[in-house]
Amino acid sequence: MSIIEALWRGKISVCEACGLGNGEITELERLMKTNAQTLCDKLDQSEKALFHRYSQCAEEYTYCIAEQAFRDGFNLAAKLLCEALQQS
């Protein structure tokens, strides 16, 4: 099965293992959870609701940025491949 077929059929998930084994990302996730919990413990209900809405927006923003970075990287790789093939 080609890589394109595997990607189409869902056999390849490029984001599934994103960040696994990366100590820096693991530490940032831990700090984010700790700080979010500390903040939530100090907020009243309306402030918690506002913080929750903010967190949802931040997650969506992060997802969109990561998706765009993936697209940009994929496009760059395709352009590099095309250029390399043209020069050979």
Protein backbone atom coordinates (compact mmCIF):
# COMPACT_ATOMS: atom_id res chain seq x y z
CA MET A 1 0.00 0.00 0.00
CA SER A 2 1.38 3.42 -0.92
CA ILE A 3 1.77 6.19 1.61
CA ILE A 4 -0.99 8.16 -0.14
CA GLU A 5 -3.36 5.17 0.09
CA ALA A 6 -2.49 4.62 3.74
CA LEU A 7 -3.13 8.29 4.49
CA TRP A 8 -6.45 8.19 2.61
CA ARG A 9 -7.58 5.04 4.42
CA GLY A 10 -6.72 6.46 7.82
CA LYS A 11 -3.80 4.09 8.42
CA ILE A 12 -1.50 7.06 9.04
CA SER A 13 -2.35 9.66 11.63
CA VAL A 14 0.32 12.34 11.66
CA CYS A 15 -1.06 14.07 14.76
CA GLU A 16 -1.76 10.97 16.85
CA ALA A 17 1.69 10.81 18.43
CA CYS A 18 2.46 14.51 18.22
CA GLY A 19 4.59 15.50 21.19
CA LEU A 20 4.89 12.01 22.66
CA GLY A 21 8.33 11.51 24.09
CA ASN A 22 9.12 15.23 23.95
CA GLY A 23 10.08 16.24 27.48
CA GLU A 24 9.61 19.93 26.83
CA ILE A 25 6.03 19.44 25.61
CA THR A 26 5.26 17.07 28.49
CA GLU A 27 6.55 19.62 31.00
CA LEU A 28 4.56 22.45 29.39
CA GLU A 29 1.39 20.35 29.51
CA ARG A 30 2.00 19.62 33.19
CA LEU A 31 2.57 23.30 33.96
CA MET A 32 -0.54 24.33 32.02
CA LYS A 33 -2.70 21.85 33.95
CA THR A 34 -1.23 22.88 37.30
CA ASN A 35 -1.61 26.60 36.61
CA ALA A 36 -5.13 26.21 35.23
CA GLN A 37 -6.20 24.26 38.31
CA THR A 38 -4.58 26.82 40.65
CA LEU A 39 -6.35 29.63 38.82
CA CYS A 40 -9.72 27.85 38.81
CA ASP A 41 -9.47 27.25 42.54
CA LYS A 42 -9.30 31.04 43.05
CA LEU A 43 -12.12 32.03 40.68
CA ASP A 44 -15.82 32.39 41.36
CA GLN A 45 -18.36 30.69 39.07
CA SER A 46 -18.69 33.51 36.53
CA GLU A 47 -14.91 33.92 36.33
CA LYS A 48 -14.53 30.15 35.87
CA ALA A 49 -17.03 30.29 33.01
CA LEU A 50 -15.05 33.11 31.39
CA PHE A 51 -11.79 31.22 31.87
CA HIS A 52 -13.38 28.10 30.35
CA ARG A 53 -14.49 30.07 27.27
CA TYR A 54 -11.00 31.56 26.98
CA SER A 55 -9.43 28.10 27.26
CA GLN A 56 -11.70 26.76 24.52
CA CYS A 57 -10.71 29.64 22.21
CA ALA A 58 -7.02 29.09 23.00
CA GLU A 59 -7.34 25.37 22.19
CA GLU A 60 -9.11 26.11 18.90
CA TYR A 61 -6.47 28.72 18.02
CA THR A 62 -3.67 26.24 18.79
CA TYR A 63 -5.37 23.59 16.65
CA CYS A 64 -5.72 26.01 13.72
CA ILE A 65 -2.09 27.13 13.99
CA ALA A 66 -0.87 23.51 14.14
CA GLU A 67 -3.01 22.59 11.13
CA GLN A 68 -1.66 25.53 9.14
CA ALA A 69 1.92 24.66 10.12
CA PHE A 70 1.34 21.10 8.92
CA ARG A 71 -0.02 22.38 5.60
CA ASP A 72 2.88 24.79 5.19
CA GLY A 73 5.40 22.06 5.98
CA PHE A 74 3.74 19.63 3.59
CA ASN A 75 3.70 22.25 0.82
CA LEU A 76 7.36 23.06 1.40
CA ALA A 77 8.28 19.36 1.28
CA ALA A 78 6.35 18.95 -1.99
CA LYS A 79 8.09 21.98 -3.51
CA LEU A 80 11.50 20.67 -2.40
CA LEU A 81 10.73 17.28 -3.92
CA CYS A 82 9.59 18.84 -7.21
CA GLU A 83 12.71 20.97 -7.38
CA ALA A 84 14.97 18.01 -6.58
CA LEU A 85 13.29 15.91 -9.27
CA GLN A 86 13.64 18.71 -11.84
CA GLN A 87 17.38 18.96 -11.19
CA SER A 88 18.07 15.26 -11.52
